[in-house]
PDB file of N, CA and C in Angstrom:
ATOM      1  N   MET A   1       0.842  -1.188   0.000  1.00  0.00           N
ATOM      2  CA  MET A   1       0.000   0.000   0.000  1.00  0.00           C
ATOM      3  C   MET A   1       0.884   1.247   0.000  1.00  0.00           C
ATOM      4  N   ALA A   2       0.619   2.162  -0.902  1.00  0.00           N
ATOM      5  CA  ALA A   2       1.439   3.369  -1.026  1.00  0.00           C
ATOM      6  C   ALA A   2       1.143   4.317   0.131  1.00  0.00           C
ATOM      7  N   GLU A   3       2.190   4.955   0.615  1.00  0.00           N
ATOM      8  CA  GLU A   3       2.039   5.911   1.705  1.00  0.00           C
ATOM      9  C   GLU A   3       1.568   7.243   1.145  1.00  0.00           C
ATOM     10  N   GLU A   4       0.534   7.817   1.750  1.00  0.00           N
ATOM     11  CA  GLU A   4       0.016   9.100   1.302  1.00  0.00           C
ATOM     12  C   GLU A   4       0.967  10.212   1.729  1.00  0.00           C
ATOM     13  N   LYS A   5       1.297  11.088   0.789  1.00  0.00           N
ATOM     14  CA  LYS A   5       2.218  12.184   1.079  1.00  0.00           C
ATOM     15  C   LYS A   5       1.502  13.261   1.872  1.00  0.00           C
ATOM     16  N   LYS A   6       2.119  13.705   2.937  1.00  0.00           N
ATOM     17  CA  LYS A   6       1.542  14.736   3.803  1.00  0.00           C
ATOM     18  C   LYS A   6       1.964  16.109   3.289  1.00  0.00           C
ATOM     19  N   TYR A   7       0.985  16.946   3.060  1.00  0.00           N
ATOM     20  CA  TYR A   7       1.249  18.309   2.639  1.00  0.00           C
ATOM     21  C   TYR A   7       0.819  19.278   3.721  1.00  0.00           C
ATOM     22  N   LEU A   8       1.482  20.413   3.758  1.00  0.00           N
ATOM     23  CA  LEU A   8       1.164  21.472   4.707  1.00  0.00           C
ATOM     24  C   LEU A   8       0.309  22.525   4.026  1.00  0.00           C
ATOM     25  N   LYS A   9      -0.656  23.035   4.758  1.00  0.00           N
ATOM     26  CA  LYS A   9      -1.430  24.175   4.271  1.00  0.00           C
ATOM     27  C   LYS A   9      -0.548  25.414   4.383  1.00  0.00           C
ATOM     28  N   ILE A  10      -0.956  26.481   3.727  1.00  0.00           N
ATOM     29  CA  ILE A  10      -0.130  27.690   3.696  1.00  0.00           C
ATOM     30  C   ILE A  10       0.137  28.239   5.100  1.00  0.00           C
ATOM     31  N   GLY A  11      -0.851  28.192   5.975  1.00  0.00           N
ATOM     32  CA  GLY A  11      -0.653  28.685   7.345  1.00  0.00           C
ATOM     33  C   GLY A  11       0.360  27.861   8.113  1.00  0.00           C
ATOM     34  N   GLU A  12       0.333  26.554   7.904  1.00  0.00           N
ATOM     35  CA  GLU A  12       1.298  25.668   8.568  1.00  0.00           C
ATOM     36  C   GLU A  12       2.705  25.919   8.041  1.00  0.00           C
ATOM     37  N   ALA A  13       2.826  26.093   6.722  1.00  0.00           N
ATOM     38  CA  ALA A  13       4.134  26.366   6.128  1.00  0.00           C
ATOM     39  C   ALA A  13       4.673  27.716   6.607  1.00  0.00           C
ATOM     40  N   ALA A  14       3.796  28.709   6.657  1.00  0.00           N
ATOM     41  CA  ALA A  14       4.213  30.036   7.121  1.00  0.00           C
ATOM     42  C   ALA A  14       4.688  29.974   8.562  1.00  0.00           C
ATOM     43  N   ALA A  15       4.004  29.205   9.398  1.00  0.00           N
ATOM     44  CA  ALA A  15       4.410  29.071  10.798  1.00  0.00           C
ATOM     45  C   ALA A  15       5.786  28.417  10.907  1.00  0.00           C
ATOM     46  N   MET A  16       6.053  27.403  10.088  1.00  0.00           N
ATOM     47  CA  MET A  16       7.367  26.754  10.118  1.00  0.00           C
ATOM     48  C   MET A  16       8.481  27.738   9.747  1.00  0.00           C
ATOM     49  N   ILE A  17       8.205  28.575   8.752  1.00  0.00           N
ATOM     50  CA  ILE A  17       9.209  29.531   8.284  1.00  0.00           C
ATOM     51  C   ILE A  17       9.316  30.730   9.215  1.00  0.00           C
ATOM     52  N   GLY A  18       8.190  31.085   9.843  1.00  0.00           N
ATOM     53  CA  GLY A  18       8.175  32.260  10.709  1.00  0.00           C
ATOM     54  C   GLY A  18       7.803  33.516   9.956  1.00  0.00           C
ATOM     55  N   CYS A  19       6.879  33.369   9.004  1.00  0.00           N
ATOM     56  CA  CYS A  19       6.430  34.519   8.224  1.00  0.00           C
ATOM     57  C   CYS A  19       4.907  34.460   8.107  1.00  0.00           C
ATOM     58  N   SER A  20       4.344  35.417   7.400  1.00  0.00           N
ATOM     59  CA  SER A  20       2.897  35.438   7.203  1.00  0.00           C
ATOM     60  C   SER A  20       2.510  34.649   5.948  1.00  0.00           C
ATOM     61  N   LYS A  21       1.227  34.339   5.855  1.00  0.00           N
ATOM     62  CA  LYS A  21       0.726  33.671   4.651  1.00  0.00           C
ATOM     63  C   LYS A  21       0.916  34.573   3.433  1.00  0.00           C
ATOM     64  N   GLN A  22       0.745  35.870   3.620  1.00  0.00           N
ATOM     65  CA  GLN A  22       0.923  36.802   2.504  1.00  0.00           C
ATOM     66  C   GLN A  22       2.362  36.797   2.010  1.00  0.00           C
ATOM     67  N   THR A  23       3.314  36.656   2.914  1.00  0.00           N
ATOM     68  CA  THR A  23       4.718  36.575   2.510  1.00  0.00           C
ATOM     69  C   THR A  23       4.937  35.360   1.621  1.00  0.00           C
ATOM     70  N   LEU A  24       4.328  34.223   1.968  1.00  0.00           N
ATOM     71  CA  LEU A  24       4.456  33.030   1.124  1.00  0.00           C
ATOM     72  C   LEU A  24       3.831  33.259  -0.248  1.00  0.00           C
ATOM     73  N   ARG A  25       2.725  33.948  -0.293  1.00  0.00           N
ATOM     74  CA  ARG A  25       2.110  34.265  -1.586  1.00  0.00           C
ATOM     75  C   ARG A  25       3.047  35.138  -2.421  1.00  0.00           C
ATOM     76  N   ASN A  26       3.702  36.091  -1.761  1.00  0.00           N
ATOM     77  CA  ASN A  26       4.672  36.944  -2.465  1.00  0.00           C
ATOM     78  C   ASN A  26       5.879  36.136  -2.930  1.00  0.00           C
ATOM     79  N   TYR A  27       6.351  35.207  -2.105  1.00  0.00           N
ATOM     80  CA  TYR A  27       7.454  34.332  -2.513  1.00  0.00           C
ATOM     81  C   TYR A  27       7.075  33.549  -3.764  1.00  0.00           C
ATOM     82  N   GLN A  28       5.825  33.080  -3.831  1.00  0.00           N
ATOM     83  CA  GLN A  28       5.377  32.341  -5.000  1.00  0.00           C
ATOM     84  C   GLN A  28       5.415  33.228  -6.240  1.00  0.00           C
ATOM     85  N   LEU A  29       4.908  34.448  -6.125  1.00  0.00           N
ATOM     86  CA  LEU A  29       4.898  35.376  -7.254  1.00  0.00           C
ATOM     87  C   LEU A  29       6.310  35.667  -7.761  1.00  0.00           C
ATOM     88  N   ARG A  30       7.274  35.700  -6.853  1.00  0.00           N
ATOM     89  CA  ARG A  30       8.665  35.981  -7.210  1.00  0.00           C
ATOM     90  C   ARG A  30       9.433  34.723  -7.613  1.00  0.00           C
ATOM     91  N   GLY A  31       8.784  33.556  -7.490  1.00  0.00           N
ATOM     92  CA  GLY A  31       9.428  32.301  -7.866  1.00  0.00           C
ATOM     93  C   GLY A  31      10.381  31.761  -6.823  1.00  0.00           C
ATOM     94  N   LEU A  32      10.318  32.287  -5.606  1.00  0.00           N
ATOM     95  CA  LEU A  32      11.238  31.856  -4.556  1.00  0.00           C
ATOM     96  C   LEU A  32      10.789  30.577  -3.859  1.00  0.00           C
ATOM     97  N   LEU A  33       9.487  30.389  -3.731  1.00  0.00           N
ATOM     98  CA  LEU A  33       8.948  29.202  -3.069  1.00  0.00           C
ATOM     99  C   LEU A  33       7.584  28.902  -3.681  1.00  0.00           C
ATOM    100  N   VAL A  34       7.595  28.021  -4.665  1.00  0.00           N
ATOM    101  CA  VAL A  34       6.372  27.661  -5.379  1.00  0.00           C
ATOM    102  C   VAL A  34       5.788  26.414  -4.731  1.00  0.00           C
ATOM    103  N   PRO A  35       4.498  26.422  -4.401  1.00  0.00           N
ATOM    104  CA  PRO A  35       3.881  25.253  -3.778  1.00  0.00           C
ATOM    105  C   PRO A  35       4.032  24.009  -4.653  1.00  0.00           C
ATOM    106  N   GLU A  36       4.193  22.854  -4.023  1.00  0.00           N
ATOM    107  CA  GLU A  36       4.264  21.606  -4.784  1.00  0.00           C
ATOM    108  C   GLU A  36       2.933  21.296  -5.434  1.00  0.00           C
ATOM    109  N   VAL A  37       1.852  21.660  -4.760  1.00  0.00           N
ATOM    110  CA  VAL A  37       0.507  21.369  -5.264  1.00  0.00           C
ATOM    111  C   VAL A  37      -0.352  22.615  -5.093  1.00  0.00           C
ATOM    112  N   ILE A  38      -1.115  22.927  -6.125  1.00  0.00           N
ATOM    113  CA  ILE A  38      -2.146  23.953  -6.020  1.00  0.00           C
ATOM    114  C   ILE A  38      -3.455  23.274  -6.406  1.00  0.00           C
ATOM    115  N   LEU A  39      -4.366  23.213  -5.467  1.00  0.00           N
ATOM    116  CA  LEU A  39      -5.642  22.549  -5.699  1.00  0.00           C
ATOM    117  C   LEU A  39      -6.506  23.362  -6.651  1.00  0.00           C
ATOM    118  N   GLU A  40      -7.531  22.731  -7.204  1.00  0.00           N
ATOM    119  CA  GLU A  40      -8.446  23.440  -8.103  1.00  0.00           C
ATOM    120  C   GLU A  40      -9.049  24.671  -7.441  1.00  0.00           C
ATOM    121  N   SER A  41      -9.217  24.601  -6.133  1.00  0.00           N
ATOM    122  CA  SER A  41      -9.776  25.732  -5.387  1.00  0.00           C
ATOM    123  C   SER A  41      -8.770  26.866  -5.206  1.00  0.00           C
ATOM    124  N   GLY A  42      -7.517  26.630  -5.596  1.00  0.00           N
ATOM    125  CA  GLY A  42      -6.474  27.641  -5.452  1.00  0.00           C
ATOM    126  C   GLY A  42      -5.668  27.505  -4.177  1.00  0.00           C
ATOM    127  N   GLN A  43      -6.042  26.557  -3.321  1.00  0.00           N
ATOM    128  CA  GLN A  43      -5.303  26.361  -2.077  1.00  0.00           C
ATOM    129  C   GLN A  43      -3.915  25.815  -2.376  1.00  0.00           C
ATOM    130  N   ARG A  44      -2.945  26.348  -1.666  1.00  0.00           N
ATOM    131  CA  ARG A  44      -1.555  25.956  -1.850  1.00  0.00           C
ATOM    132  C   ARG A  44      -1.193  24.866  -0.852  1.00  0.00           C
ATOM    133  N   ARG A  45      -0.350  23.922  -1.296  1.00  0.00           N
ATOM    134  CA  ARG A  45       0.134  22.848  -0.436  1.00  0.00           C
ATOM    135  C   ARG A  45       1.635  22.719  -0.618  1.00  0.00           C
ATOM    136  N   TYR A  46       2.325  22.633   0.507  1.00  0.00           N
ATOM    137  CA  TYR A  46       3.788  22.524   0.528  1.00  0.00           C
ATOM    138  C   TYR A  46       4.172  21.237   1.231  1.00  0.00           C
ATOM    139  N   SER A  47       5.267  20.612   0.798  1.00  0.00           N
ATOM    140  CA  SER A  47       5.749  19.432   1.515  1.00  0.00           C
ATOM    141  C   SER A  47       6.656  19.894   2.656  1.00  0.00           C
ATOM    142  N   PRO A  48       6.678  19.143   3.752  1.00  0.00           N
ATOM    143  CA  PRO A  48       7.588  19.501   4.846  1.00  0.00           C
ATOM    144  C   PRO A  48       9.048  19.580   4.379  1.00  0.00           C
ATOM    145  N   ALA A  49       9.444  18.662   3.506  1.00  0.00           N
ATOM    146  CA  ALA A  49      10.828  18.665   3.010  1.00  0.00           C
ATOM    147  C   ALA A  49      11.122  19.938   2.222  1.00  0.00           C
ATOM    148  N   GLN A  50      10.163  20.398   1.440  1.00  0.00           N
ATOM    149  CA  GLN A  50      10.321  21.629   0.667  1.00  0.00           C
ATOM    150  C   GLN A  50      10.527  22.827   1.587  1.00  0.00           C
ATOM    151  N   ILE A  51       9.760  22.895   2.656  1.00  0.00           N
ATOM    152  CA  ILE A  51       9.874  24.008   3.596  1.00  0.00           C
ATOM    153  C   ILE A  51      11.198  23.942   4.348  1.00  0.00           C
ATOM    154  N   GLU A  52      11.590  22.744   4.776  1.00  0.00           N
ATOM    155  CA  GLU A  52      12.861  22.588   5.481  1.00  0.00           C
ATOM    156  C   GLU A  52      14.033  22.994   4.583  1.00  0.00           C
ATOM    157  N   LYS A  53      13.977  22.628   3.310  1.00  0.00           N
ATOM    158  CA  LYS A  53      15.028  23.017   2.364  1.00  0.00           C
ATOM    159  C   LYS A  53      15.075  24.531   2.203  1.00  0.00           C
ATOM    160  N   PHE A  54      13.908  25.165   2.099  1.00  0.00           N
ATOM    161  CA  PHE A  54      13.840  26.615   1.969  1.00  0.00           C
ATOM    162  C   PHE A  54      14.455  27.294   3.184  1.00  0.00           C
ATOM    163  N   ILE A  55      14.144  26.793   4.365  1.00  0.00           N
ATOM    164  CA  ILE A  55      14.698  27.362   5.596  1.00  0.00           C
ATOM    165  C   ILE A  55      16.219  27.221   5.605  1.00  0.00           C
ATOM    166  N   ARG A  56      16.733  26.050   5.253  1.00  0.00           N
ATOM    167  CA  ARG A  56      18.196  25.840   5.195  1.00  0.00           C
ATOM    168  C   ARG A  56      18.839  26.812   4.225  1.00  0.00           C
ATOM    169  N   GLU A  57      18.243  26.970   3.045  1.00  0.00           N
ATOM    170  CA  GLU A  57      18.806  27.869   2.041  1.00  0.00           C
ATOM    171  C   GLU A  57      18.818  29.313   2.540  1.00  0.00           C
ATOM    172  N   GLN A  58      17.777  29.719   3.239  1.00  0.00           N
ATOM    173  CA  GLN A  58      17.710  31.084   3.766  1.00  0.00           C
ATOM    174  C   GLN A  58      18.765  31.306   4.840  1.00  0.00           C
ATOM    175  N   MET A  59      19.024  30.272   5.636  1.00  0.00           N
ATOM    176  CA  MET A  59      20.052  30.367   6.690  1.00  0.00           C
ATOM    177  C   MET A  59      21.433  30.515   6.050  1.00  0.00           C
ATOM    178  N   GLU A  60      21.650  29.818   4.929  1.00  0.00           N
ATOM    179  CA  GLU A  60      22.941  29.905   4.239  1.00  0.00           C
ATOM    180  C   GLU A  60      23.138  31.304   3.643  1.00  0.00           C
ATOM    181  N   VAL A  61      22.082  31.897   3.127  1.00  0.00           N
ATOM    182  CA  VAL A  61      22.161  33.237   2.545  1.00  0.00           C
ATOM    183  C   VAL A  61      22.526  34.256   3.622  1.00  0.00           C
ATOM    184  N   LYS A  62      21.966  34.085   4.818  1.00  0.00           N
ATOM    185  CA  LYS A  62      22.226  35.020   5.904  1.00  0.00           C
ATOM    186  C   LYS A  62      23.595  34.841   6.525  1.00  0.00           C
ATOM    187  N   ALA A  63      24.204  33.680   6.329  1.00  0.00           N
ATOM    188  CA  ALA A  63      25.510  33.394   6.958  1.00  0.00           C
ATOM    189  C   ALA A  63      26.643  34.059   6.213  1.00  0.00           C
TER     190      ALA A  63
END
């Protein structure tokens, strides 16, 4: 049986990063963090691994 992939809603992803949902929307517009899945309703979904990678990359930029 295949394991279902867990996705984060935009609010959950924003909380992990420490920013607002609007900031994530702006990141998407700028191509910095594009959701892995966008539902037909327009809801954005991010994978935990994607968010963790983004956080690591941001830490490297600041270092």
